[in-house]
Every structure is written in structure tokens, then in C-alpha cells.
Amino acid sequence: MTPLATGFKRGQVRLANLNPAKGSEPGKTRPCLIIQCDALNDADHPSTIVMPLTSQVLGNGAPLRFHVPRRDNIAVDSDVLIDQIKAIDNGRFVGSILTVLTEPELIVIDERLRILVGES
């Protein structure tokens, strides 16, 4: 797969190569939710804030996870790893958009992130 051009939008789920990983960081090429605001995305910022997804689904992982059922180009049920938020270089993105989360889904993810950073 080749790196993508820009055109990233908040709520998109795209494949990203997260190798090399260290310690408990998720690695390999995996879906990642773009959580960065569109003001930075539209400015062609060189990095993007993402939350990786995993196919190792937990029954109730809140507030550390958010469940995304299989849909569009997400082949299996997955969880967004809210506690693994990170900035990645845009050159790590590969492939195309797998799906786009809805505004209500993003609101729940934002609420859970606020819990993790002590703002709730």
C-alpha cells in the first residue's frame, strides 16, 4: 500500500502503519480513528491525532474503549482504543477510508476521552 495524500477528516477511520511499536503501544497496520480537529486537517498539518482500533473486542471496555460494529470496509467488530491516543506522521496512512463515525459516536468518544484526562 502507498501513503495517502491529504484530505483527512475528523471521524474517518483509515489504515495506518503503526510500526515500530514499543511496549504496550499497538503496532502493525491497523485501522485508526482520526480524532484531530478539521481546522488542523484542512491546514495540511504534517501529523494527525488518531486512536487505533483493535479487533480484540471487550464486552464492556468503557471508558477505555468504544465499540464499532462491522460496517462499510471494517471487516470485523472492533474497539477504538481511546487510551492509546497518539499523533502520527501523515506518511503512516495507507489505503483509503474504511468508514466514517457518526457525530453521536464521536460525542461518546470525546466524553470518554475527557474522563481519561480528568476533565469529567
PDB file of N, CA and C in Angstrom:
ATOM      1  N   MET A   1       0.835  -1.184   0.000  1.00  0.00           N
ATOM      2  CA  MET A   1       0.000   0.000   0.000  1.00  0.00           C
ATOM      3  C   MET A   1       0.877   1.243   0.000  1.00  0.00           C
ATOM      4  N   THR A   2       0.382   2.282  -0.608  1.00  0.00           N
ATOM      5  CA  THR A   2       1.165   3.503  -0.709  1.00  0.00           C
ATOM      6  C   THR A   2       0.616   4.568   0.219  1.00  0.00           C
ATOM      7  N   PRO A   3       1.470   5.514   0.656  1.00  0.00           N
ATOM      8  CA  PRO A   3       0.986   6.592   1.514  1.00  0.00           C
ATOM      9  C   PRO A   3      -0.077   7.428   0.813  1.00  0.00           C
ATOM     10  N   LEU A   4      -0.967   8.009   1.591  1.00  0.00           N
ATOM     11  CA  LEU A   4      -2.058   8.807   1.064  1.00  0.00           C
ATOM     12  C   LEU A   4      -1.695  10.271   0.946  1.00  0.00           C
ATOM     13  N   ALA A   5      -2.412  10.940   0.085  1.00  0.00           N
ATOM     14  CA  ALA A   5      -2.365  12.395   0.067  1.00  0.00           C
ATOM     15  C   ALA A   5      -3.219  12.880   1.240  1.00  0.00           C
ATOM     16  N   THR A   6      -3.327  14.202   1.381  1.00  0.00           N
ATOM     17  CA  THR A   6      -4.129  14.743   2.464  1.00  0.00           C
ATOM     18  C   THR A   6      -5.610  14.559   2.157  1.00  0.00           C
ATOM     19  N   GLY A   7      -6.469  15.179   2.926  1.00  0.00           N
ATOM     20  CA  GLY A   7      -7.902  15.009   2.774  1.00  0.00           C
ATOM     21  C   GLY A   7      -8.472  14.298   3.976  1.00  0.00           C
ATOM     22  N   PHE A   8      -7.725  14.324   5.067  1.00  0.00           N
ATOM     23  CA  PHE A   8      -8.171  13.676   6.290  1.00  0.00           C
ATOM     24  C   PHE A   8      -9.281  14.508   6.924  1.00  0.00           C
ATOM     25  N   LYS A   9     -10.243  13.814   7.534  1.00  0.00           N
ATOM     26  CA  LYS A   9     -11.337  14.479   8.234  1.00  0.00           C
ATOM     27  C   LYS A   9     -11.589  13.773   9.556  1.00  0.00           C
ATOM     28  N   ARG A  10     -11.943  14.555  10.559  1.00  0.00           N
ATOM     29  CA  ARG A  10     -12.303  14.007  11.868  1.00  0.00           C
ATOM     30  C   ARG A  10     -13.435  13.002  11.690  1.00  0.00           C
ATOM     31  N   GLY A  11     -13.306  11.853  12.327  1.00  0.00           N
ATOM     32  CA  GLY A  11     -14.327  10.823  12.257  1.00  0.00           C
ATOM     33  C   GLY A  11     -14.033   9.731  11.245  1.00  0.00           C
ATOM     34  N   GLN A  12     -13.103   9.988  10.318  1.00  0.00           N
ATOM     35  CA  GLN A  12     -12.725   8.948   9.358  1.00  0.00           C
ATOM     36  C   GLN A  12     -11.923   7.861  10.058  1.00  0.00           C
ATOM     37  N   VAL A  13     -12.126   6.629   9.614  1.00  0.00           N
ATOM     38  CA  VAL A  13     -11.293   5.522  10.043  1.00  0.00           C
ATOM     39  C   VAL A  13     -10.483   5.097   8.828  1.00  0.00           C
ATOM     40  N   ARG A  14      -9.155   5.150   8.968  1.00  0.00           N
ATOM     41  CA  ARG A  14      -8.226   4.823   7.875  1.00  0.00           C
ATOM     42  C   ARG A  14      -7.165   3.870   8.391  1.00  0.00           C
ATOM     43  N   LEU A  15      -6.589   3.108   7.484  1.00  0.00           N
ATOM     44  CA  LEU A  15      -5.465   2.247   7.853  1.00  0.00           C
ATOM     45  C   LEU A  15      -4.218   3.080   8.050  1.00  0.00           C
ATOM     46  N   ALA A  16      -3.428   2.732   9.065  1.00  0.00           N
ATOM     47  CA  ALA A  16      -2.147   3.389   9.309  1.00  0.00           C
ATOM     48  C   ALA A  16      -1.141   2.338   9.752  1.00  0.00           C
ATOM     49  N   ASN A  17       0.077   2.491   9.294  1.00  0.00           N
ATOM     50  CA  ASN A  17       1.169   1.601   9.696  1.00  0.00           C
ATOM     51  C   ASN A  17       1.771   2.166  10.982  1.00  0.00           C
ATOM     52  N   LEU A  18       1.532   1.478  12.090  1.00  0.00           N
ATOM     53  CA  LEU A  18       1.992   1.967  13.396  1.00  0.00           C
ATOM     54  C   LEU A  18       3.310   1.339  13.831  1.00  0.00           C
ATOM     55  N   ASN A  19       3.968   0.607  12.944  1.00  0.00           N
ATOM     56  CA  ASN A  19       5.271   0.030  13.277  1.00  0.00           C
ATOM     57  C   ASN A  19       6.354   1.085  13.146  1.00  0.00           C
ATOM     58  N   PRO A  20       7.367   1.062  13.959  1.00  0.00           N
ATOM     59  CA  PRO A  20       7.580   0.110  15.047  1.00  0.00           C
ATOM     60  C   PRO A  20       6.829   0.540  16.306  1.00  0.00           C
ATOM     61  N   ALA A  21       6.317  -0.424  17.030  1.00  0.00           N
ATOM     62  CA  ALA A  21       5.648  -0.161  18.306  1.00  0.00           C
ATOM     63  C   ALA A  21       6.637  -0.415  19.433  1.00  0.00           C
ATOM     64  N   LYS A  22       6.395   0.219  20.575  1.00  0.00           N
ATOM     65  CA  LYS A  22       7.217  -0.010  21.775  1.00  0.00           C
ATOM     66  C   LYS A  22       6.306  -0.373  22.929  1.00  0.00           C
ATOM     67  N   GLY A  23       6.735  -1.332  23.715  1.00  0.00           N
ATOM     68  CA  GLY A  23       6.000  -1.702  24.918  1.00  0.00           C
ATOM     69  C   GLY A  23       4.552  -2.057  24.645  1.00  0.00           C
ATOM     70  N   SER A  24       3.636  -1.360  25.297  1.00  0.00           N
ATOM     71  CA  SER A  24       2.213  -1.667  25.173  1.00  0.00           C
ATOM     72  C   SER A  24       1.524  -0.940  24.018  1.00  0.00           C
ATOM     73  N   GLU A  25       2.291  -0.195  23.200  1.00  0.00           N
ATOM     74  CA  GLU A  25       1.694   0.503  22.063  1.00  0.00           C
ATOM     75  C   GLU A  25       1.183  -0.492  21.025  1.00  0.00           C
ATOM     76  N   PRO A  26       0.006  -0.216  20.447  1.00  0.00           N
ATOM     77  CA  PRO A  26      -0.444  -1.057  19.338  1.00  0.00           C
ATOM     78  C   PRO A  26       0.467  -0.844  18.136  1.00  0.00           C
ATOM     79  N   GLY A  27       0.817  -1.923  17.477  1.00  0.00           N
ATOM     80  CA  GLY A  27       1.654  -1.835  16.291  1.00  0.00           C
ATOM     81  C   GLY A  27       0.923  -2.350  15.071  1.00  0.00           C
ATOM     82  N   LYS A  28       1.645  -2.702  14.068  1.00  0.00           N
ATOM     83  CA  LYS A  28       1.231  -3.220  12.765  1.00  0.00           C
ATOM     84  C   LYS A  28       0.341  -2.228  12.032  1.00  0.00           C
ATOM     85  N   THR A  29      -0.078  -2.601  10.849  1.00  0.00           N
ATOM     86  CA  THR A  29      -1.001  -1.769  10.085  1.00  0.00           C
ATOM     87  C   THR A  29      -2.402  -2.073  10.572  1.00  0.00           C
ATOM     88  N   ARG A  30      -3.083  -1.048  11.033  1.00  0.00           N
ATOM     89  CA  ARG A  30      -4.405  -1.246  11.632  1.00  0.00           C
ATOM     90  C   ARG A  30      -5.269  -0.024  11.378  1.00  0.00           C
ATOM     91  N   PRO A  31      -6.595  -0.190  11.492  1.00  0.00           N
ATOM     92  CA  PRO A  31      -7.480   0.969  11.379  1.00  0.00           C
ATOM     93  C   PRO A  31      -7.231   1.954  12.513  1.00  0.00           C
ATOM     94  N   CYS A  32      -7.321   3.237  12.186  1.00  0.00           N
ATOM     95  CA  CYS A  32      -7.174   4.303  13.180  1.00  0.00           C
ATOM     96  C   CYS A  32      -8.254   5.348  12.952  1.00  0.00           C
ATOM     97  N   LEU A  33      -8.858   5.788  14.047  1.00  0.00           N
ATOM     98  CA  LEU A  33      -9.855   6.855  14.000  1.00  0.00           C
ATOM     99  C   LEU A  33      -9.144   8.196  14.036  1.00  0.00           C
ATOM    100  N   ILE A  34      -9.440   9.054  13.075  1.00  0.00           N
ATOM    101  CA  ILE A  34      -8.900  10.415  13.098  1.00  0.00           C
ATOM    102  C   ILE A  34      -9.755  11.230  14.057  1.00  0.00           C
ATOM    103  N   ILE A  35      -9.113  11.726  15.114  1.00  0.00           N
ATOM    104  CA  ILE A  35      -9.814  12.458  16.164  1.00  0.00           C
ATOM    105  C   ILE A  35      -9.437  13.948  16.142  1.00  0.00           C
ATOM    106  N   GLN A  36      -8.399  14.282  15.380  1.00  0.00           N
ATOM    107  CA  GLN A  36      -7.908  15.657  15.277  1.00  0.00           C
ATOM    108  C   GLN A  36      -8.977  16.564  14.665  1.00  0.00           C
ATOM    109  N   CYS A  37      -9.006  17.817  15.088  1.00  0.00           N
ATOM    110  CA  CYS A  37      -9.986  18.774  14.576  1.00  0.00           C
ATOM    111  C   CYS A  37      -9.728  19.080  13.100  1.00  0.00           C
ATOM    112  N   ASP A  38     -10.804  19.382  12.387  1.00  0.00           N
ATOM    113  CA  ASP A  38     -10.680  19.644  10.957  1.00  0.00           C
ATOM    114  C   ASP A  38      -9.942  20.938  10.637  1.00  0.00           C
ATOM    115  N   ALA A  39      -9.835  21.863  11.599  1.00  0.00           N
ATOM    116  CA  ALA A  39      -9.049  23.074  11.354  1.00  0.00           C
ATOM    117  C   ALA A  39      -7.597  22.694  11.049  1.00  0.00           C
ATOM    118  N   LEU A  40      -7.043  21.746  11.810  1.00  0.00           N
ATOM    119  CA  LEU A  40      -5.678  21.274  11.533  1.00  0.00           C
ATOM    120  C   LEU A  40      -5.647  20.393  10.289  1.00  0.00           C
ATOM    121  N   ASN A  41      -6.647  19.530  10.144  1.00  0.00           N
ATOM    122  CA  ASN A  41      -6.691  18.667   8.964  1.00  0.00           C
ATOM    123  C   ASN A  41      -6.738  19.489   7.684  1.00  0.00           C
ATOM    124  N   ASP A  42      -7.555  20.531   7.662  1.00  0.00           N
ATOM    125  CA  ASP A  42      -7.703  21.370   6.471  1.00  0.00           C
ATOM    126  C   ASP A  42      -6.463  22.215   6.193  1.00  0.00           C
ATOM    127  N   ALA A  43      -5.628  22.421   7.211  1.00  0.00           N
ATOM    128  CA  ALA A  43      -4.402  23.209   7.051  1.00  0.00           C
ATOM    129  C   ALA A  43      -3.227  22.347   6.600  1.00  0.00           C
ATOM    130  N   ASP A  44      -3.502  21.090   6.236  1.00  0.00           N
ATOM    131  CA  ASP A  44      -2.442  20.160   5.812  1.00  0.00           C
ATOM    132  C   ASP A  44      -1.359  20.020   6.872  1.00  0.00           C
ATOM    133  N   HIS A  45      -1.777  19.949   8.123  1.00  0.00           N
ATOM    134  CA  HIS A  45      -0.844  19.714   9.235  1.00  0.00           C
ATOM    135  C   HIS A  45      -0.074  18.420   8.960  1.00  0.00           C
ATOM    136  N   PRO A  46       1.231  18.348   9.236  1.00  0.00           N
ATOM    137  CA  PRO A  46       2.034  17.178   8.852  1.00  0.00           C
ATOM    138  C   PRO A  46       1.809  15.926   9.689  1.00  0.00           C
ATOM    139  N   SER A  47       1.124  16.072  10.810  1.00  0.00           N
ATOM    140  CA  SER A  47       0.800  14.900  11.631  1.00  0.00           C
ATOM    141  C   SER A  47      -0.687  14.948  11.960  1.00  0.00           C
ATOM    142  N   THR A  48      -1.201  13.805  12.415  1.00  0.00           N
ATOM    143  CA  THR A  48      -2.630  13.686  12.698  1.00  0.00           C
ATOM    144  C   THR A  48      -2.812  12.924  14.004  1.00  0.00           C
ATOM    145  N   ILE A  49      -3.740  13.391  14.847  1.00  0.00           N
ATOM    146  CA  ILE A  49      -4.039  12.723  16.108  1.00  0.00           C
ATOM    147  C   ILE A  49      -5.063  11.625  15.844  1.00  0.00           C
ATOM    148  N   VAL A  50      -4.716  10.400  16.265  1.00  0.00           N
ATOM    149  CA  VAL A  50      -5.563   9.241  15.990  1.00  0.00           C
ATOM    150  C   VAL A  50      -5.754   8.402  17.242  1.00  0.00           C
ATOM    151  N   MET A  51      -6.742   7.518  17.158  1.00  0.00           N
ATOM    152  CA  MET A  51      -6.964   6.464  18.149  1.00  0.00           C
ATOM    153  C   MET A  51      -6.998   5.153  17.374  1.00  0.00           C
ATOM    154  N   PRO A  52      -6.076   4.237  17.655  1.00  0.00           N
ATOM    155  CA  PRO A  52      -6.080   2.953  16.946  1.00  0.00           C
ATOM    156  C   PRO A  52      -7.314   2.126  17.290  1.00  0.00           C
ATOM    157  N   LEU A  53      -7.673   1.220  16.386  1.00  0.00           N
ATOM    158  CA  LEU A  53      -8.733   0.250  16.623  1.00  0.00           C
ATOM    159  C   LEU A  53      -8.120  -1.128  16.792  1.00  0.00           C
ATOM    160  N   THR A  54      -8.828  -1.995  17.506  1.00  0.00           N
ATOM    161  CA  THR A  54      -8.410  -3.378  17.674  1.00  0.00           C
ATOM    162  C   THR A  54      -9.587  -4.295  17.389  1.00  0.00           C
ATOM    163  N   SER A  55      -9.299  -5.487  16.891  1.00  0.00           N
ATOM    164  CA  SER A  55     -10.344  -6.498  16.695  1.00  0.00           C
ATOM    165  C   SER A  55     -10.502  -7.361  17.945  1.00  0.00           C
ATOM    166  N   GLN A  56      -9.679  -7.117  18.955  1.00  0.00           N
ATOM    167  CA  GLN A  56      -9.801  -7.816  20.241  1.00  0.00           C
ATOM    168  C   GLN A  56     -10.849  -7.078  21.077  1.00  0.00           C
ATOM    169  N   VAL A  57     -12.107  -7.383  20.801  1.00  0.00           N
ATOM    170  CA  VAL A  57     -13.239  -6.657  21.382  1.00  0.00           C
ATOM    171  C   VAL A  57     -13.496  -7.111  22.818  1.00  0.00           C
ATOM    172  N   LEU A  58     -13.729  -6.126  23.696  1.00  0.00           N
ATOM    173  CA  LEU A  58     -14.133  -6.403  25.080  1.00  0.00           C
ATOM    174  C   LEU A  58     -15.636  -6.186  25.198  1.00  0.00           C
ATOM    175  N   GLY A  59     -16.252  -6.933  26.084  1.00  0.00           N
ATOM    176  CA  GLY A  59     -17.690  -6.791  26.275  1.00  0.00           C
ATOM    177  C   GLY A  59     -18.083  -5.399  26.731  1.00  0.00           C
ATOM    178  N   ASN A  60     -17.377  -4.868  27.720  1.00  0.00           N
ATOM    179  CA  ASN A  60     -17.653  -3.527  28.219  1.00  0.00           C
ATOM    180  C   ASN A  60     -16.330  -2.886  28.591  1.00  0.00           C
ATOM    181  N   GLY A  61     -15.733  -2.201  27.648  1.00  0.00           N
ATOM    182  CA  GLY A  61     -14.429  -1.596  27.877  1.00  0.00           C
ATOM    183  C   GLY A  61     -14.471  -0.128  28.222  1.00  0.00           C
ATOM    184  N   ALA A  62     -15.665   0.427  28.423  1.00  0.00           N
ATOM    185  CA  ALA A  62     -15.780   1.854  28.712  1.00  0.00           C
ATOM    186  C   ALA A  62     -15.092   2.177  30.043  1.00  0.00           C
ATOM    187  N   PRO A  63     -14.445   3.301  30.198  1.00  0.00           N
ATOM    188  CA  PRO A  63     -14.282   4.377  29.230  1.00  0.00           C
ATOM    189  C   PRO A  63     -13.043   4.238  28.353  1.00  0.00           C
ATOM    190  N   LEU A  64     -12.313   3.131  28.474  1.00  0.00           N
ATOM    191  CA  LEU A  64     -11.071   2.965  27.712  1.00  0.00           C
ATOM    192  C   LEU A  64     -11.300   2.622  26.250  1.00  0.00           C
ATOM    193  N   ARG A  65     -12.498   2.130  25.930  1.00  0.00           N
ATOM    194  CA  ARG A  65     -12.788   1.671  24.569  1.00  0.00           C
ATOM    195  C   ARG A  65     -14.172   2.141  24.126  1.00  0.00           C
ATOM    196  N   PHE A  66     -14.338   2.137  22.799  1.00  0.00           N
ATOM    197  CA  PHE A  66     -15.636   2.420  22.189  1.00  0.00           C
ATOM    198  C   PHE A  66     -15.849   1.391  21.094  1.00  0.00           C
ATOM    199  N   HIS A  67     -16.987   0.702  21.137  1.00  0.00           N
ATOM    200  CA  HIS A  67     -17.255  -0.376  20.196  1.00  0.00           C
ATOM    201  C   HIS A  67     -17.720   0.159  18.841  1.00  0.00           C
ATOM    202  N   VAL A  68     -17.124  -0.368  17.774  1.00  0.00           N
ATOM    203  CA  VAL A  68     -17.522  -0.045  16.401  1.00  0.00           C
ATOM    204  C   VAL A  68     -17.913  -1.360  15.726  1.00  0.00           C
ATOM    205  N   PRO A  69     -19.218  -1.559  15.475  1.00  0.00           N
ATOM    206  CA  PRO A  69     -19.632  -2.797  14.814  1.00  0.00           C
ATOM    207  C   PRO A  69     -19.103  -2.865  13.376  1.00  0.00           C
ATOM    208  N   ARG A  70     -18.961  -4.067  12.874  1.00  0.00           N
ATOM    209  CA  ARG A  70     -18.539  -4.287  11.486  1.00  0.00           C
ATOM    210  C   ARG A  70     -19.464  -3.500  10.559  1.00  0.00           C
ATOM    211  N   ARG A  71     -18.870  -2.730   9.646  1.00  0.00           N
ATOM    212  CA  ARG A  71     -19.642  -1.951   8.673  1.00  0.00           C
ATOM    213  C   ARG A  71     -18.713  -1.410   7.599  1.00  0.00           C
ATOM    214  N   ASP A  72     -19.287  -1.030   6.480  1.00  0.00           N
ATOM    215  CA  ASP A  72     -18.527  -0.480   5.357  1.00  0.00           C
ATOM    216  C   ASP A  72     -17.307  -1.358   5.087  1.00  0.00           C
ATOM    217  N   ASN A  73     -16.111  -0.794   5.207  1.00  0.00           N
ATOM    218  CA  ASN A  73     -14.889  -1.562   4.963  1.00  0.00           C
ATOM    219  C   ASN A  73     -14.178  -1.989   6.242  1.00  0.00           C
ATOM    220  N   ILE A  74     -14.898  -1.967   7.370  1.00  0.00           N
ATOM    221  CA  ILE A  74     -14.397  -2.547   8.617  1.00  0.00           C
ATOM    222  C   ILE A  74     -14.937  -3.976   8.636  1.00  0.00           C
ATOM    223  N   ALA A  75     -14.054  -4.948   8.427  1.00  0.00           N
ATOM    224  CA  ALA A  75     -14.475  -6.337   8.201  1.00  0.00           C
ATOM    225  C   ALA A  75     -14.976  -7.046   9.458  1.00  0.00           C
ATOM    226  N   VAL A  76     -14.524  -6.610  10.631  1.00  0.00           N
ATOM    227  CA  VAL A  76     -14.903  -7.283  11.878  1.00  0.00           C
ATOM    228  C   VAL A  76     -15.263  -6.233  12.925  1.00  0.00           C
ATOM    229  N   ASP A  77     -16.074  -6.651  13.905  1.00  0.00           N
ATOM    230  CA  ASP A  77     -16.353  -5.773  15.040  1.00  0.00           C
ATOM    231  C   ASP A  77     -15.024  -5.341  15.659  1.00  0.00           C
ATOM    232  N   SER A  78     -14.947  -4.085  16.067  1.00  0.00           N
ATOM    233  CA  SER A  78     -13.697  -3.542  16.595  1.00  0.00           C
ATOM    234  C   SER A  78     -13.977  -2.608  17.765  1.00  0.00           C
ATOM    235  N   ASP A  79     -12.939  -2.311  18.525  1.00  0.00           N
ATOM    236  CA  ASP A  79     -12.996  -1.314  19.591  1.00  0.00           C
ATOM    237  C   ASP A  79     -11.982  -0.212  19.293  1.00  0.00           C
ATOM    238  N   VAL A  80     -12.398   1.042  19.493  1.00  0.00           N
ATOM    239  CA  VAL A  80     -11.472   2.171  19.453  1.00  0.00           C
ATOM    240  C   VAL A  80     -10.727   2.173  20.779  1.00  0.00           C
ATOM    241  N   LEU A  81      -9.395   2.235  20.720  1.00  0.00           N
ATOM    242  CA  LEU A  81      -8.550   2.253  21.921  1.00  0.00           C
ATOM    243  C   LEU A  81      -8.344   3.705  22.353  1.00  0.00           C
ATOM    244  N   ILE A  82      -9.297   4.213  23.109  1.00  0.00           N
ATOM    245  CA  ILE A  82      -9.296   5.626  23.490  1.00  0.00           C
ATOM    246  C   ILE A  82      -8.057   5.974  24.307  1.00  0.00           C
ATOM    247  N   ASP A  83      -7.579   5.044  25.125  1.00  0.00           N
ATOM    248  CA  ASP A  83      -6.406   5.314  25.962  1.00  0.00           C
ATOM    249  C   ASP A  83      -5.091   5.237  25.197  1.00  0.00           C
ATOM    250  N   GLN A  84      -5.142   4.939  23.904  1.00  0.00           N
ATOM    251  CA  GLN A  84      -3.918   4.854  23.086  1.00  0.00           C
ATOM    252  C   GLN A  84      -3.839   6.003  22.078  1.00  0.00           C
ATOM    253  N   ILE A  85      -4.460   7.135  22.389  1.00  0.00           N
ATOM    254  CA  ILE A  85      -4.437   8.299  21.501  1.00  0.00           C
ATOM    255  C   ILE A  85      -2.990   8.701  21.226  1.00  0.00           C
ATOM    256  N   LYS A  86      -2.705   9.050  19.969  1.00  0.00           N
ATOM    257  CA  LYS A  86      -1.344   9.444  19.614  1.00  0.00           C
ATOM    258  C   LYS A  86      -1.337  10.276  18.345  1.00  0.00           C
ATOM    259  N   ALA A  87      -0.276  11.032  18.160  1.00  0.00           N
ATOM    260  CA  ALA A  87      -0.058  11.760  16.914  1.00  0.00           C
ATOM    261  C   ALA A  87       0.855  10.920  16.039  1.00  0.00           C
ATOM    262  N   ILE A  88       0.489  10.801  14.761  1.00  0.00           N
ATOM    263  CA  ILE A  88       1.328  10.068  13.814  1.00  0.00           C
ATOM    264  C   ILE A  88       1.618  10.950  12.608  1.00  0.00           C
ATOM    265  N   ASP A  89       2.748  10.717  11.986  1.00  0.00           N
ATOM    266  CA  ASP A  89       3.085  11.395  10.749  1.00  0.00           C
ATOM    267  C   ASP A  89       2.095  10.970   9.671  1.00  0.00           C
ATOM    268  N   ASN A  90       1.676  11.888   8.827  1.00  0.00           N
ATOM    269  CA  ASN A  90       0.695  11.567   7.792  1.00  0.00           C
ATOM    270  C   ASN A  90       1.191  10.517   6.803  1.00  0.00           C
ATOM    271  N   GLY A  91       2.498  10.324   6.710  1.00  0.00           N
ATOM    272  CA  GLY A  91       3.052   9.296   5.840  1.00  0.00           C
ATOM    273  C   GLY A  91       2.757   7.882   6.315  1.00  0.00           C
ATOM    274  N   ARG A  92       2.260   7.733   7.542  1.00  0.00           N
ATOM    275  CA  ARG A  92       1.913   6.404   8.062  1.00  0.00           C
ATOM    276  C   ARG A  92       0.568   5.900   7.538  1.00  0.00           C
ATOM    277  N   PHE A  93      -0.270   6.786   6.990  1.00  0.00           N
ATOM    278  CA  PHE A  93      -1.563   6.357   6.469  1.00  0.00           C
ATOM    279  C   PHE A  93      -1.383   5.603   5.159  1.00  0.00           C
ATOM    280  N   VAL A  94      -2.132   4.510   5.023  1.00  0.00           N
ATOM    281  CA  VAL A  94      -2.112   3.697   3.805  1.00  0.00           C
ATOM    282  C   VAL A  94      -3.554   3.337   3.442  1.00  0.00           C
ATOM    283  N   GLY A  95      -3.827   3.145   2.184  1.00  0.00           N
ATOM    284  CA  GLY A  95      -5.171   2.738   1.781  1.00  0.00           C
ATOM    285  C   GLY A  95      -6.146   3.895   1.761  1.00  0.00           C
ATOM    286  N   SER A  96      -7.429   3.553   1.836  1.00  0.00           N
ATOM    287  CA  SER A  96      -8.473   4.562   1.740  1.00  0.00           C
ATOM    288  C   SER A  96      -9.328   4.558   3.003  1.00  0.00           C
ATOM    289  N   ILE A  97     -10.390   5.359   2.996  1.00  0.00           N
ATOM    290  CA  ILE A  97     -11.289   5.453   4.144  1.00  0.00           C
ATOM    291  C   ILE A  97     -12.011   4.119   4.310  1.00  0.00           C
ATOM    292  N   LEU A  98     -12.000   3.600   5.527  1.00  0.00           N
ATOM    293  CA  LEU A  98     -12.694   2.345   5.823  1.00  0.00           C
ATOM    294  C   LEU A  98     -14.143   2.589   6.222  1.00  0.00           C
ATOM    295  N   THR A  99     -14.364   3.617   7.002  1.00  0.00           N
ATOM    296  CA  THR A  99     -15.710   4.044   7.403  1.00  0.00           C
ATOM    297  C   THR A  99     -15.581   5.430   8.009  1.00  0.00           C
ATOM    298  N   VAL A 100     -16.721   6.032   8.314  1.00  0.00           N
ATOM    299  CA  VAL A 100     -16.758   7.327   8.995  1.00  0.00           C
ATOM    300  C   VAL A 100     -17.711   7.197  10.168  1.00  0.00           C
ATOM    301  N   LEU A 101     -17.232   7.553  11.355  1.00  0.00           N
ATOM    302  CA  LEU A 101     -18.081   7.513  12.539  1.00  0.00           C
ATOM    303  C   LEU A 101     -19.059   8.678  12.509  1.00  0.00           C
ATOM    304  N   THR A 102     -20.217   8.462  13.113  1.00  0.00           N
ATOM    305  CA  THR A 102     -21.250   9.494  13.155  1.00  0.00           C
ATOM    306  C   THR A 102     -20.934  10.512  14.246  1.00  0.00           C
ATOM    307  N   GLU A 103     -21.586  11.651  14.186  1.00  0.00           N
ATOM    308  CA  GLU A 103     -21.395  12.681  15.210  1.00  0.00           C
ATOM    309  C   GLU A 103     -21.776  12.160  16.596  1.00  0.00           C
ATOM    310  N   PRO A 104     -22.911  11.427  16.755  1.00  0.00           N
ATOM    311  CA  PRO A 104     -23.211  10.878  18.086  1.00  0.00           C
ATOM    312  C   PRO A 104     -22.125   9.923  18.590  1.00  0.00           C
ATOM    313  N   GLU A 105     -21.525   9.134  17.711  1.00  0.00           N
ATOM    314  CA  GLU A 105     -20.435   8.245  18.126  1.00  0.00           C
ATOM    315  C   GLU A 105     -19.225   9.052  18.585  1.00  0.00           C
ATOM    316  N   LEU A 106     -18.892  10.106  17.838  1.00  0.00           N
ATOM    317  CA  LEU A 106     -17.750  10.947  18.205  1.00  0.00           C
ATOM    318  C   LEU A 106     -17.989  11.660  19.537  1.00  0.00           C
ATOM    319  N   ILE A 107     -19.229  12.033  19.818  1.00  0.00           N
ATOM    320  CA  ILE A 107     -19.548  12.678  21.099  1.00  0.00           C
ATOM    321  C   ILE A 107     -19.252  11.727  22.255  1.00  0.00           C
ATOM    322  N   VAL A 108     -19.633  10.465  22.116  1.00  0.00           N
ATOM    323  CA  VAL A 108     -19.362   9.479  23.172  1.00  0.00           C
ATOM    324  C   VAL A 108     -17.857   9.303  23.347  1.00  0.00           C
ATOM    325  N   ILE A 109     -17.123   9.209  22.245  1.00  0.00           N
ATOM    326  CA  ILE A 109     -15.658   9.063  22.324  1.00  0.00           C
ATOM    327  C   ILE A 109     -15.044  10.278  23.004  1.00  0.00           C
ATOM    328  N   ASP A 110     -15.497  11.475  22.647  1.00  0.00           N
ATOM    329  CA  ASP A 110     -14.996  12.699  23.290  1.00  0.00           C
ATOM    330  C   ASP A 110     -15.274  12.688  24.789  1.00  0.00           C
ATOM    331  N   GLU A 111     -16.479  12.240  25.185  1.00  0.00           N
ATOM    332  CA  GLU A 111     -16.823  12.169  26.612  1.00  0.00           C
ATOM    333  C   GLU A 111     -15.894  11.205  27.341  1.00  0.00           C
ATOM    334  N   ARG A 112     -15.602  10.066  26.728  1.00  0.00           N
ATOM    335  CA  ARG A 112     -14.729   9.083  27.361  1.00  0.00           C
ATOM    336  C   ARG A 112     -13.297   9.602  27.433  1.00  0.00           C
ATOM    337  N   LEU A 113     -12.863  10.320  26.436  1.00  0.00           N
ATOM    338  CA  LEU A 113     -11.520  10.918  26.477  1.00  0.00           C
ATOM    339  C   LEU A 113     -11.423  11.939  27.613  1.00  0.00           C
ATOM    340  N   ARG A 114     -12.472  12.719  27.792  1.00  0.00           N
ATOM    341  CA  ARG A 114     -12.473  13.691  28.897  1.00  0.00           C
ATOM    342  C   ARG A 114     -12.360  12.988  30.241  1.00  0.00           C
ATOM    343  N   ILE A 115     -13.008  11.843  30.397  1.00  0.00           N
ATOM    344  CA  ILE A 115     -12.882  11.065  31.638  1.00  0.00           C
ATOM    345  C   ILE A 115     -11.423  10.650  31.842  1.00  0.00           C
ATOM    346  N   LEU A 116     -10.783  10.185  30.768  1.00  0.00           N
ATOM    347  CA  LEU A 116      -9.394   9.690  30.878  1.00  0.00           C
ATOM    348  C   LEU A 116      -8.405  10.793  31.230  1.00  0.00           C
ATOM    349  N   VAL A 117      -8.685  12.010  30.797  1.00  0.00           N
ATOM    350  CA  VAL A 117      -7.747  13.100  31.090  1.00  0.00           C
ATOM    351  C   VAL A 117      -8.187  13.933  32.293  1.00  0.00           C
ATOM    352  N   GLY A 118      -9.212  13.447  33.009  1.00  0.00           N
ATOM    353  CA  GLY A 118      -9.611  14.086  34.262  1.00  0.00           C
ATOM    354  C   GLY A 118     -10.447  15.328  34.110  1.00  0.00           C
ATOM    355  N   GLU A 119     -11.132  15.482  33.005  1.00  0.00           N
ATOM    356  CA  GLU A 119     -11.964  16.681  32.797  1.00  0.00           C
ATOM    357  C   GLU A 119     -13.441  16.413  33.013  1.00  0.00           C
ATOM    358  N   SER A 120     -13.798  15.262  33.558  1.00  0.00           N
ATOM    359  CA  SER A 120     -15.219  14.964  33.754  1.00  0.00           C
ATOM    360  C   SER A 120     -15.557  14.841  35.218  1.00  0.00           C
TER     361      SER A 120
END
